[in-house]
Protein backbone atom coordinates (compact mmCIF):
# COMPACT_ATOMS: atom_id res chain seq x y z
CA MET A 1 0.00 -0.03 0.02
CA ILE A 2 1.32 3.48 -0.89
CA ARG A 3 1.90 6.10 1.79
CA LEU A 4 0.66 9.60 0.92
CA ASP A 5 2.07 12.77 2.30
CA PRO A 6 -0.49 14.36 4.65
CA PHE A 7 -0.35 17.79 2.72
CA TYR A 8 -1.86 17.31 -0.74
CA PRO A 9 -2.15 20.73 -2.58
CA ILE A 10 -4.21 20.75 -5.82
CA LEU A 11 -2.91 23.31 -8.25
CA PRO A 12 -4.51 24.69 -11.49
CA ASP A 13 -1.40 24.97 -13.78
CA THR A 14 2.38 24.64 -13.94
CA ASP A 15 3.06 28.24 -13.06
CA TRP A 16 1.78 27.44 -9.60
CA LEU A 17 3.78 24.22 -9.40
CA ALA A 18 6.89 26.17 -10.34
CA ARG A 19 6.18 28.70 -7.69
CA LEU A 20 5.40 26.40 -4.86
CA LEU A 21 7.27 23.12 -5.33
CA PRO A 22 10.58 24.56 -4.39
CA LEU A 23 9.22 25.20 -0.96
CA GLY A 24 9.15 21.34 -0.21
CA ILE A 25 5.84 20.00 -1.34
CA LYS A 26 6.04 16.17 -1.61
CA LEU A 27 2.58 15.38 -3.21
CA VAL A 28 0.70 17.61 -5.73
CA GLN A 29 -2.22 17.21 -8.06
CA LEU A 30 -2.27 19.14 -11.38
CA ARG A 31 -5.98 19.99 -12.02
CA ILE A 32 -6.56 21.81 -15.26
CA LYS A 33 -10.08 22.66 -16.31
CA ASP A 34 -11.48 23.84 -19.63
CA ARG A 35 -7.97 24.09 -21.29
CA PRO A 36 -7.79 20.84 -23.40
CA ASP A 37 -5.27 22.59 -25.82
CA VAL A 38 -2.59 22.89 -23.18
CA ILE A 39 -2.94 19.63 -21.26
CA ARG A 40 -0.22 17.62 -22.81
CA GLU A 41 2.31 20.51 -22.60
CA GLU A 42 1.33 21.20 -19.04
CA ILE A 43 1.65 17.53 -18.01
CA ASP A 44 5.05 17.41 -19.51
CA LYS A 45 6.03 20.44 -17.66
CA ALA A 46 4.64 19.12 -14.48
CA ILE A 47 6.51 15.86 -14.66
CA ALA A 48 9.77 17.66 -15.19
CA LEU A 49 9.13 20.04 -12.24
CA CYS A 50 8.01 17.19 -9.89
CA ASN A 51 11.12 15.02 -10.97
CA ALA A 52 13.21 18.12 -10.14
CA HIS A 53 11.90 18.52 -6.62
CA ASP A 54 11.19 14.94 -5.68
CA CYS A 55 7.37 15.36 -5.56
CA GLN A 56 4.79 12.77 -6.52
CA LEU A 57 2.56 14.13 -9.17
CA VAL A 58 -1.14 13.33 -9.72
CA ILE A 59 -2.86 14.18 -12.93
CA ASN A 60 -6.57 15.00 -12.65
CA ASP A 61 -8.90 13.37 -15.16
CA TYR A 62 -6.71 13.19 -18.26
CA TRP A 63 -5.65 9.64 -17.97
CA GLN A 64 -4.89 8.96 -21.63
CA GLU A 65 -2.59 12.07 -21.76
CA ALA A 66 -0.96 10.97 -18.49
CA ILE A 67 -0.22 7.66 -20.03
CA ASP A 68 1.23 9.21 -23.17
CA ALA A 69 3.42 11.52 -21.12
CA GLY A 70 4.72 8.77 -18.86
CA ALA A 71 2.98 10.16 -15.70
CA GLY A 72 2.63 7.66 -12.69
CA PHE A 73 -0.58 8.61 -11.07
CA VAL A 74 -4.13 9.92 -12.01
CA HIS A 75 -7.18 10.99 -10.14
CA LEU A 76 -10.62 10.34 -11.44
CA GLY A 77 -13.90 11.71 -10.53
CA GLN A 78 -16.87 9.42 -10.68
CA GLU A 79 -17.96 10.52 -14.38
CA ASP A 80 -14.41 10.13 -15.43
CA LEU A 81 -14.14 6.78 -13.88
CA ALA A 82 -17.18 5.52 -15.68
CA LYS A 83 -15.57 6.44 -19.07
CA ALA A 84 -11.97 5.48 -18.31
CA ASP A 85 -10.27 2.43 -19.74
CA LEU A 86 -9.25 0.96 -16.32
CA ALA A 87 -7.41 -1.99 -17.87
CA LYS A 88 -5.37 0.38 -20.11
CA ILE A 89 -4.54 2.60 -17.06
CA LYS A 90 -3.45 -0.41 -15.00
CA ASP A 91 -1.55 -1.98 -17.77
CA ALA A 92 0.45 1.35 -18.13
CA GLY A 93 1.39 0.99 -14.55
CA LEU A 94 -0.53 4.11 -13.34
CA LYS A 95 -1.80 4.39 -9.77
CA ILE A 96 -5.33 5.66 -9.41
CA GLY A 97 -7.19 7.80 -6.95
CA VAL A 98 -10.95 8.10 -7.00
CA SER A 99 -13.28 10.73 -5.64
CA THR A 100 -16.29 9.60 -3.57
CA HIS A 101 -19.10 11.52 -1.98
CA SER A 102 -21.76 8.79 -0.97
CA HIS A 103 -21.85 5.05 -0.07
CA GLU A 104 -22.74 4.19 -3.70
CA GLU A 105 -19.86 6.08 -5.03
CA LEU A 106 -17.53 4.41 -2.59
CA ALA A 107 -18.60 1.02 -3.71
CA THR A 108 -17.94 1.97 -7.35
CA ALA A 109 -14.59 3.45 -6.41
CA LEU A 110 -13.60 0.25 -4.47
CA ALA A 111 -14.46 -1.99 -7.35
CA ALA A 112 -11.70 -0.11 -9.37
CA ARG A 113 -9.20 -1.17 -6.68
CA PRO A 114 -7.89 2.40 -6.37
CA ASP A 115 -4.67 3.31 -4.73
CA TYR A 116 -6.45 5.90 -2.66
CA VAL A 117 -10.09 7.02 -2.06
CA ALA A 118 -10.86 10.69 -1.60
CA LEU A 119 -13.95 11.73 0.27
CA GLY A 120 -15.55 15.19 0.31
CA PRO A 121 -16.55 17.72 0.80
CA ILE A 122 -15.57 17.47 4.42
CA TYR A 123 -16.54 21.15 5.20
CA PRO A 124 -18.58 23.69 3.17
CA THR A 125 -16.53 24.89 0.17
CA LYS A 126 -16.71 27.71 -2.16
CA LEU A 127 -14.80 25.99 -5.05
CA LYS A 128 -18.01 24.73 -6.81
CA LYS A 129 -21.45 23.99 -6.08
CA MET A 130 -21.98 20.46 -4.91
CA PRO A 131 -25.33 18.49 -4.38
CA TRP A 132 -23.66 16.87 -1.34
CA LYS A 133 -23.90 18.30 2.13
CA PRO A 134 -20.60 18.52 4.16
CA GLN A 135 -19.57 14.97 5.17
CA GLY A 136 -18.08 16.02 8.48
CA LEU A 137 -15.50 14.16 10.68
CA ALA A 138 -17.67 11.28 11.57
CA ARG A 139 -17.95 10.26 7.89
CA VAL A 140 -14.20 10.44 7.63
CA GLY A 141 -13.81 7.79 10.37
CA GLU A 142 -16.59 5.76 8.79
CA TRP A 143 -14.66 5.75 5.43
CA ARG A 144 -11.46 4.93 7.25
CA ALA A 145 -13.12 1.83 8.86
CA ASN A 146 -14.45 0.47 5.52
CA ILE A 147 -11.32 0.81 3.14
CA SER A 148 -7.95 -0.57 3.25
CA CYS A 149 -6.17 2.01 0.90
CA PRO A 150 -5.10 5.52 1.99
CA LEU A 151 -8.01 7.99 2.48
CA VAL A 152 -7.72 11.59 1.09
CA ALA A 153 -10.13 14.26 2.54
CA ILE A 154 -11.09 17.25 0.58
CA GLY A 155 -13.38 20.23 0.76
CA GLY A 156 -13.16 23.43 2.91
CA ILE A 157 -10.03 22.12 4.75
CA THR A 158 -7.86 24.83 6.13
CA LEU A 159 -4.62 24.49 8.18
CA ASP A 160 -6.57 25.09 11.40
CA ARG A 161 -8.93 22.23 10.53
CA ALA A 162 -6.31 19.80 9.11
CA GLY A 163 -5.19 18.25 12.29
CA SER A 164 -8.71 17.29 13.26
CA VAL A 165 -9.28 15.80 9.83
CA LEU A 166 -6.14 13.65 9.99
CA ASP A 167 -7.05 12.67 13.66
CA ALA A 168 -10.47 11.45 12.28
CA GLY A 169 -8.67 8.99 9.99
CA ALA A 170 -7.72 10.74 6.86
CA ASP A 171 -4.12 9.91 5.66
CA SER A 172 -3.82 13.11 3.58
CA VAL A 173 -5.73 16.37 3.22
CA ALA A 174 -6.22 17.89 -0.19
CA VAL A 175 -6.21 21.54 -0.28
CA ILE A 176 -7.18 24.04 -3.18
CA THR A 177 -8.86 27.29 -2.14
CA ASP A 178 -6.87 27.84 1.15
CA ILE A 179 -3.71 28.12 -0.99
CA VAL A 180 -4.70 29.65 -4.37
CA THR A 181 -6.84 32.39 -2.82
CA ASN A 182 -4.42 33.25 -0.04
CA GLN A 183 -2.79 36.62 -0.20
CA HIS A 184 0.69 35.18 0.64
CA PRO A 185 0.58 31.58 -0.85
CA GLU A 186 4.26 30.91 -0.27
CA MET A 187 4.35 31.78 3.32
CA HIS A 188 1.10 29.77 3.77
CA VAL A 189 2.44 26.80 2.04
CA LYS A 190 5.55 26.94 4.20
CA ASN A 191 3.21 27.00 7.23
CA TRP A 192 1.53 23.94 5.84
CA ILE A 193 4.79 22.06 5.30
CA ASP A 194 5.93 22.81 8.90
CA ALA A 195 2.66 21.41 10.12
CA THR A 196 3.10 18.37 7.90
CA VAL A 197 6.57 17.54 9.40
CA ALA A 198 4.88 17.34 12.87
CA TRP A 199 1.98 15.34 11.58
CA ARG A 200 4.24 12.90 9.82
CA LYS A 201 6.19 12.47 13.06
CA LEU A 202 3.14 11.78 15.07
CA SER A 203 1.83 9.26 12.50
CA THR A 204 5.09 7.38 12.66
CA GLU A 205 5.32 7.30 16.48
CA PHE A 206 1.64 6.77 17.01
CA PRO A 207 0.14 4.89 13.96
CA GLN A 208 -3.53 5.08 13.81
CA HIS A 209 -4.25 2.52 11.21
């Protein structure tokens, strides 16, 4: 089973990666929306940046382009999972993360034998309108008890909330808005990374699962 870094920023382009990866990020997702013309170029740049900074890269949605570029990890939402060629993805050696928001979606995700499962939104989020109510910390614990792969929590997670989410059973917390809307993202990421060091030490000394 893979081990995920507790801090999992999700960034919208390689300009953000170039800006923040040198600070010490060890796990990142490239999540490009509505720009299919730049996908392959951005994936190639992201791979080079992550290799240079010893960071695990996850590509959101574009699994075929990820295969073509030689990426090692993709994240799929439920709609993308339904359309994806899982056999082709696995034959290419890519790891897979899958989003879930309900028990039904969790069952669908687990049938794909993912390398991690994401649950969200944990808290209210302004990133996009969602039909699901906030899941809350109790649902994090429920998911943890019912899966054997790593659990990623996402949605409305701030630095102040992250410790509680990890204590509830998440292995990693995915963060978007808390970084990209911050007035001083570099300083904020440094604070996240400092906290990550402490969380990683605690999880090593006192393993929860």
